[in-house]
Amino acid sequence: MPSNIVHGTDGFPRVILTDTTGSSAEVLLYGGQVVSWKNERREELLFMSTKAVRKPPKAIRGGIPVCFPEFGNFGSLEQHGFARNRLWSLDSNPSPLSPSNSQSSVDLILKSTQQDVRTWPWRFELRLRISLSDGKLTLIPRVRNTDSKPFSFMFALRNYLSVSDVSEVRVEGLETLDYFDNLMQRERHTEQADAITFDGEIDRVYLCTPTKIAIIDHEKKRTIVLRKEGMPDAAVWNPWDKKAKALPDMGDEDYETMLCVDSAAIETPIVLKPFEEWRGRQELSTVSSSYCSGQLDPRKVLHGLS
């Protein structure tokens, strides 16, 4: 595990991960949040709001926030839960995962505090391994029930992806699926389009999703491939112009260059008995695509990659 914690200009302690391809990632202990993921050409693949507030207790808008134990405003807690605005620690005992000595991996842990128990009355340990290898960014979240009573929770990794122009992006892999539309009081609908494209605000939770989803960016000729396990749902969000202007920590034009496609467990909360542990996994990778010139079948992106 890297011990080289550095402090940025914002004062937050962070860990910098690098791999042999020249890719890099930046992980804050605040929120256990990945705030940067760059490819070998030093191109940023994650979106960060131009007005992101980097001051506790605010959550940071961008990167990959960890949403636990709730997602959205479905429960009584603050939106998306409290894990994203707590200070995490380095995890010296990531068992049962084998310890990682790689400079391109870090293990973090968040344990319940007295403050947390007052608002969410169960004790837990939330662990997160973040690793970078061959340009792929992998996150392995684990939740252990350290309480004497069972509890249930929602979980999501909110992936703020950097795109050239959201109106030119296609998301493949969610067609024909049912989804909750949060813009219509969580009404349940079935996706009719052969791919999701964007021409206005979207806030949906797709249900029973595949393990692979492709986000095809025509202008950048790049496809981001999201692979996930243990998180059956996928939230898709873009605030568009009016909502972006209403968000104090988002620039008016920021919505044009971002898209959230999240790994999540929302529809059916995860239930843990005392001392049980849940584990999820998410991998983000990129492939070059010439889809804008019709040379790439997006279904081959979904099904043809090992």
Protein backbone atom coordinates (compact mmCIF):
# COMPACT_ATOMS: atom_id res chain seq x y z
CA MET A 1 0.00 0.00 0.00
CA PRO A 2 1.44 3.40 -0.86
CA SER A 3 2.37 5.47 2.16
CA ASN A 4 3.13 8.55 0.08
CA ILE A 5 0.16 10.65 1.09
CA VAL A 6 0.52 14.13 -0.34
CA HIS A 7 -1.44 17.30 0.29
CA GLY A 8 -2.90 19.29 -2.56
CA THR A 9 -3.45 23.02 -2.75
CA ASP A 10 -6.92 22.41 -1.30
CA GLY A 11 -5.36 20.87 1.83
CA PHE A 12 -6.93 17.45 1.31
CA PRO A 13 -4.62 14.45 1.87
CA ARG A 14 -4.51 12.27 -1.22
CA VAL A 15 -2.77 9.28 -2.80
CA ILE A 16 -1.45 9.39 -6.37
CA LEU A 17 -1.55 6.11 -8.30
CA THR A 18 0.46 5.52 -11.47
CA ASP A 19 0.99 2.51 -13.72
CA THR A 20 3.44 1.40 -16.37
CA THR A 21 1.34 2.80 -19.24
CA GLY A 22 1.68 6.34 -17.87
CA SER A 23 -1.92 6.42 -16.65
CA SER A 24 -2.61 7.99 -13.27
CA ALA A 25 -5.35 8.38 -10.68
CA GLU A 26 -5.75 10.68 -7.71
CA VAL A 27 -7.64 9.53 -4.60
CA LEU A 28 -8.71 11.78 -1.74
CA LEU A 29 -9.03 10.45 1.80
CA TYR A 30 -11.97 12.87 2.07
CA GLY A 31 -14.91 10.84 0.82
CA GLY A 32 -12.63 7.99 -0.33
CA GLN A 33 -13.13 9.75 -3.64
CA VAL A 34 -11.29 9.31 -6.92
CA VAL A 35 -11.01 12.86 -8.31
CA SER A 36 -8.80 12.22 -11.35
CA TRP A 37 -8.17 9.40 -13.81
CA LYS A 38 -5.89 10.15 -16.74
CA ASN A 39 -4.88 7.94 -19.64
CA GLU A 40 -1.37 7.47 -21.01
CA ARG A 41 -1.77 10.68 -23.03
CA ARG A 42 -2.53 12.59 -19.83
CA GLU A 43 -6.13 13.18 -20.95
CA GLU A 44 -8.56 13.52 -18.03
CA LEU A 45 -11.32 10.90 -18.20
CA LEU A 46 -13.35 12.06 -15.19
CA PHE A 47 -15.35 15.27 -14.95
CA MET A 48 -14.83 17.78 -12.16
CA SER A 49 -17.19 20.72 -11.76
CA THR A 50 -15.63 24.13 -12.37
CA LYS A 51 -17.38 25.24 -9.17
CA ALA A 52 -16.72 22.14 -7.05
CA VAL A 53 -16.62 22.98 -3.33
CA ARG A 54 -13.56 21.40 -1.71
CA LYS A 55 -14.44 22.26 1.84
CA PRO A 56 -15.98 19.90 4.42
CA PRO A 57 -18.75 19.08 5.06
CA LYS A 58 -19.66 19.58 1.39
CA ALA A 59 -19.40 16.66 -1.01
CA ILE A 60 -17.15 17.26 -4.03
CA ARG A 61 -19.05 17.38 -7.33
CA GLY A 62 -17.03 15.29 -9.74
CA GLY A 63 -14.79 12.25 -9.92
CA ILE A 64 -16.29 9.11 -8.33
CA PRO A 65 -18.16 9.83 -5.08
CA VAL A 66 -19.13 6.85 -2.91
CA CYS A 67 -22.87 6.85 -2.13
CA PHE A 68 -23.66 4.96 1.11
CA PRO A 69 -25.90 3.99 2.88
CA GLU A 70 -28.50 5.70 0.66
CA PHE A 71 -28.74 6.92 -2.92
CA GLY A 72 -30.71 9.98 -3.90
CA ASN A 73 -33.31 11.23 -1.46
CA PHE A 74 -35.07 7.92 -0.94
CA GLY A 75 -34.47 7.81 2.82
CA SER A 76 -34.10 10.11 5.80
CA LEU A 77 -30.39 10.84 5.45
CA GLU A 78 -28.64 13.57 3.47
CA GLN A 79 -28.68 13.04 -0.29
CA HIS A 80 -26.56 10.04 -1.34
CA GLY A 81 -25.70 9.24 2.29
CA PHE A 82 -22.76 10.39 4.39
CA ALA A 83 -19.77 8.34 3.15
CA ARG A 84 -18.87 10.93 0.50
CA ASN A 85 -18.28 13.70 3.04
CA ARG A 86 -16.38 11.82 5.74
CA LEU A 87 -12.62 11.54 6.16
CA TRP A 88 -11.51 7.97 5.41
CA SER A 89 -8.33 6.25 6.64
CA LEU A 90 -5.73 4.01 5.06
CA ASP A 91 -6.71 0.38 5.67
CA SER A 92 -3.82 -1.64 7.04
CA ASN A 93 -5.82 -4.89 7.12
CA PRO A 94 -7.82 -5.33 3.89
CA SER A 95 -8.57 -9.02 4.67
CA PRO A 96 -9.91 -11.18 3.08
CA LEU A 97 -8.41 -9.42 0.06
CA SER A 98 -4.71 -10.15 -0.08
CA PRO A 99 -2.61 -7.13 0.94
CA SER A 100 -1.52 -5.01 -1.98
CA ASN A 101 2.06 -3.78 -2.07
CA SER A 102 1.65 -2.18 -5.46
CA GLN A 103 2.26 1.53 -5.91
CA SER A 104 -0.78 1.51 -8.15
CA SER A 105 -3.26 0.43 -5.45
CA VAL A 106 -4.60 1.84 -2.21
CA ASP A 107 -6.92 0.41 0.45
CA LEU A 108 -9.18 2.80 2.37
CA ILE A 109 -11.60 2.26 5.25
CA LEU A 110 -14.47 4.19 6.80
CA LYS A 111 -15.86 3.07 10.18
CA SER A 112 -19.09 4.28 11.73
CA THR A 113 -18.72 7.10 14.26
CA GLN A 114 -20.98 8.18 17.11
CA GLN A 115 -22.22 10.96 14.84
CA ASP A 116 -23.16 8.43 12.15
CA VAL A 117 -24.91 6.13 14.62
CA ARG A 118 -27.14 9.00 15.72
CA THR A 119 -28.46 9.41 12.17
CA TRP A 120 -28.11 5.80 10.94
CA PRO A 121 -28.19 3.49 13.99
CA TRP A 122 -25.99 0.60 12.86
CA ARG A 123 -22.28 -0.02 13.07
CA PHE A 124 -20.37 -0.86 9.91
CA GLU A 125 -16.99 -0.92 8.19
CA LEU A 126 -16.86 0.32 4.60
CA ARG A 127 -13.70 -0.62 2.73
CA LEU A 128 -12.60 0.44 -0.72
CA ARG A 129 -9.68 -0.81 -2.80
CA ILE A 130 -8.76 1.44 -5.73
CA SER A 131 -6.23 0.14 -8.24
CA LEU A 132 -4.82 1.16 -11.58
CA SER A 133 -3.41 -1.39 -14.02
CA ASP A 134 -2.87 -1.16 -17.78
CA GLY A 135 -4.87 2.05 -17.73
CA LYS A 136 -7.90 0.34 -16.15
CA LEU A 137 -9.34 1.86 -12.98
CA THR A 138 -10.82 -0.74 -10.62
CA LEU A 139 -12.78 -0.07 -7.43
CA ILE A 140 -13.72 -2.87 -5.02
CA PRO A 141 -16.12 -1.66 -2.31
CA ARG A 142 -16.98 -3.86 0.69
CA VAL A 143 -19.44 -3.29 3.51
CA ARG A 144 -19.25 -5.32 6.73
CA ASN A 145 -21.96 -5.34 9.37
CA THR A 146 -20.19 -4.92 12.73
CA ASP A 147 -23.48 -4.45 14.56
CA SER A 148 -25.50 -6.98 16.55
CA LYS A 149 -28.54 -6.40 14.34
CA PRO A 150 -29.07 -6.84 10.58
CA PHE A 151 -29.29 -3.76 8.41
CA SER A 152 -29.98 -2.87 4.79
CA PHE A 153 -28.39 -0.21 2.62
CA MET A 154 -28.19 1.21 -0.88
CA PHE A 155 -24.85 1.72 -2.57
CA ALA A 156 -23.55 3.47 -5.67
CA LEU A 157 -20.32 4.56 -7.27
CA ARG A 158 -21.31 7.79 -9.02
CA ASN A 159 -19.09 8.01 -12.11
CA TYR A 160 -18.80 11.58 -13.38
CA LEU A 161 -17.38 10.89 -16.85
CA SER A 162 -15.72 13.56 -18.97
CA VAL A 163 -17.22 13.73 -22.47
CA SER A 164 -16.64 16.06 -25.40
CA ASP A 165 -20.32 16.96 -25.92
CA VAL A 166 -23.07 15.08 -24.10
CA SER A 167 -25.47 15.60 -27.01
CA GLU A 168 -23.10 13.51 -29.17
CA VAL A 169 -22.75 10.62 -26.69
CA ARG A 170 -24.50 7.23 -26.90
CA VAL A 171 -24.87 4.77 -24.04
CA GLU A 172 -25.21 1.14 -25.18
CA GLY A 173 -26.31 -1.79 -23.04
CA LEU A 174 -29.40 -0.39 -21.30
CA GLU A 175 -31.86 -0.73 -24.17
CA THR A 176 -35.13 -2.65 -23.49
CA LEU A 177 -34.59 -2.39 -19.71
CA ASP A 178 -37.00 -1.03 -17.13
CA TYR A 179 -36.03 2.14 -15.29
CA PHE A 180 -37.27 4.48 -12.58
CA ASP A 181 -37.65 8.03 -13.87
CA ASN A 182 -36.77 10.39 -11.02
CA LEU A 183 -38.11 13.34 -13.04
CA MET A 184 -41.55 11.70 -12.89
CA GLN A 185 -41.85 10.67 -9.21
CA ARG A 186 -39.94 7.44 -9.82
CA GLU A 187 -42.45 6.13 -12.33
CA ARG A 188 -41.37 2.85 -13.88
CA HIS A 189 -40.86 2.82 -17.64
CA THR A 190 -39.24 0.57 -20.25
CA GLU A 191 -36.44 1.92 -22.43
CA GLN A 192 -37.62 1.97 -26.06
CA ALA A 193 -34.58 3.44 -27.81
CA ASP A 194 -31.82 1.28 -29.27
CA ALA A 195 -29.32 3.44 -27.38
CA ILE A 196 -29.60 6.25 -24.86
CA THR A 197 -28.84 9.68 -26.32
CA PHE A 198 -29.17 13.05 -24.64
CA ASP A 199 -31.10 16.18 -25.55
CA GLY A 200 -32.34 17.27 -22.11
CA GLU A 201 -32.24 16.55 -18.40
CA ILE A 202 -32.11 12.87 -17.46
CA ASP A 203 -32.27 11.25 -14.02
CA ARG A 204 -32.98 7.52 -14.24
CA VAL A 205 -32.17 4.29 -12.45
CA TYR A 206 -31.99 1.37 -14.89
CA LEU A 207 -32.79 -2.01 -13.32
CA CYS A 208 -31.27 -5.48 -13.73
CA THR A 209 -28.54 -4.11 -15.98
CA PRO A 210 -25.80 -6.12 -17.73
CA THR A 211 -22.30 -6.38 -16.33
CA LYS A 212 -20.95 -4.26 -19.23
CA ILE A 213 -22.12 -0.84 -20.42
CA ALA A 214 -20.46 1.23 -23.15
CA ILE A 215 -20.37 5.03 -23.22
CA ILE A 216 -19.48 5.99 -26.80
CA ASP A 217 -18.04 9.48 -27.32
CA HIS A 218 -18.22 10.23 -31.04
CA GLU A 219 -16.14 13.40 -31.01
CA LYS A 220 -13.29 12.00 -28.94
CA LYS A 221 -13.45 8.69 -30.85
CA ARG A 222 -13.29 7.02 -27.47
CA THR A 223 -15.50 4.52 -25.70
CA ILE A 224 -15.51 4.16 -21.93
CA VAL A 225 -16.43 0.62 -20.92
CA LEU A 226 -18.00 0.14 -17.49
CA ARG A 227 -17.91 -3.38 -16.04
CA LYS A 228 -19.54 -4.09 -12.71
CA GLU A 229 -20.41 -6.89 -10.31
CA GLY A 230 -22.63 -6.92 -7.24
CA MET A 231 -24.37 -3.70 -8.29
CA PRO A 232 -27.30 -4.67 -10.52
CA ASP A 233 -28.61 -1.17 -11.23
CA ALA A 234 -27.17 1.72 -13.25
CA ALA A 235 -28.08 5.36 -12.61
CA VAL A 236 -27.81 7.80 -15.53
CA TRP A 237 -27.80 11.54 -14.80
CA ASN A 238 -27.22 14.85 -16.53
CA PRO A 239 -28.80 18.04 -15.12
CA TRP A 240 -28.91 19.95 -18.45
CA ASP A 241 -28.93 23.74 -18.57
CA LYS A 242 -31.64 24.87 -16.15
CA LYS A 243 -30.73 22.45 -13.35
CA ALA A 244 -27.00 23.16 -13.81
CA LYS A 245 -27.61 26.87 -13.32
CA ALA A 246 -29.59 26.09 -10.17
CA LEU A 247 -26.77 24.02 -8.64
CA PRO A 248 -24.41 26.30 -6.69
CA ASP A 249 -21.44 23.94 -7.10
CA MET A 250 -21.78 23.48 -10.86
CA GLY A 251 -20.81 25.81 -13.69
CA ASP A 252 -23.59 26.92 -16.03
CA GLU A 253 -22.04 25.14 -19.03
CA ASP A 254 -20.58 22.15 -17.15
CA TYR A 255 -23.45 19.86 -18.10
CA GLU A 256 -22.24 19.86 -21.72
CA THR A 257 -19.05 17.96 -20.91
CA MET A 258 -20.20 15.48 -18.25
CA LEU A 259 -22.34 12.39 -17.91
CA CYS A 260 -22.94 10.21 -14.86
CA VAL A 261 -23.32 6.48 -15.47
CA ASP A 262 -23.23 4.81 -12.07
CA SER A 263 -22.80 1.31 -10.70
CA ALA A 264 -25.51 0.92 -8.09
CA ALA A 265 -27.69 -1.25 -5.86
CA ILE A 266 -30.83 0.82 -5.40
CA GLU A 267 -34.06 -1.00 -6.26
CA THR A 268 -33.38 -3.87 -3.87
CA PRO A 269 -31.30 -2.72 -0.87
CA ILE A 270 -28.54 -5.07 0.25
CA VAL A 271 -29.28 -6.84 3.54
CA LEU A 272 -26.44 -7.90 5.85
CA LYS A 273 -26.75 -10.02 8.97
CA PRO A 274 -24.32 -9.33 11.83
CA PHE A 275 -20.70 -9.81 10.67
CA GLU A 276 -21.71 -10.53 7.09
CA GLU A 277 -19.88 -8.71 4.30
CA TRP A 278 -21.01 -7.53 0.86
CA ARG A 279 -18.56 -6.96 -1.98
CA GLY A 280 -18.97 -5.16 -5.29
CA ARG A 281 -16.59 -4.46 -8.14
CA GLN A 282 -16.33 -1.83 -10.83
CA GLU A 283 -13.82 -1.51 -13.66
CA LEU A 284 -13.52 1.48 -15.98
CA SER A 285 -11.47 1.18 -19.16
CA THR A 286 -11.25 2.92 -22.51
CA VAL A 287 -10.99 1.72 -26.08
CA SER A 288 -10.40 3.78 -29.18
CA SER A 289 -13.44 3.90 -31.41
CA SER A 290 -14.14 5.24 -34.86
CA TYR A 291 -17.87 4.84 -34.35
CA CYS A 292 -18.46 8.36 -35.67
CA SER A 293 -17.45 7.12 -39.11
CA GLY A 294 -19.56 3.98 -38.83
CA GLN A 295 -16.64 1.57 -38.56
CA LEU A 296 -17.40 0.27 -35.10
CA ASP A 297 -20.41 -1.74 -34.11
CA PRO A 298 -21.07 -0.71 -30.48
CA ARG A 299 -22.32 -4.19 -29.73
CA LYS A 300 -18.82 -5.47 -30.41
CA VAL A 301 -17.61 -3.01 -27.79
CA LEU A 302 -20.07 -4.56 -25.37
CA HIS A 303 -19.62 -8.22 -26.19
CA GLY A 304 -16.33 -8.53 -28.01
CA LEU A 305 -14.00 -7.33 -25.28
CA SER A 306 -12.54 -9.77 -22.82
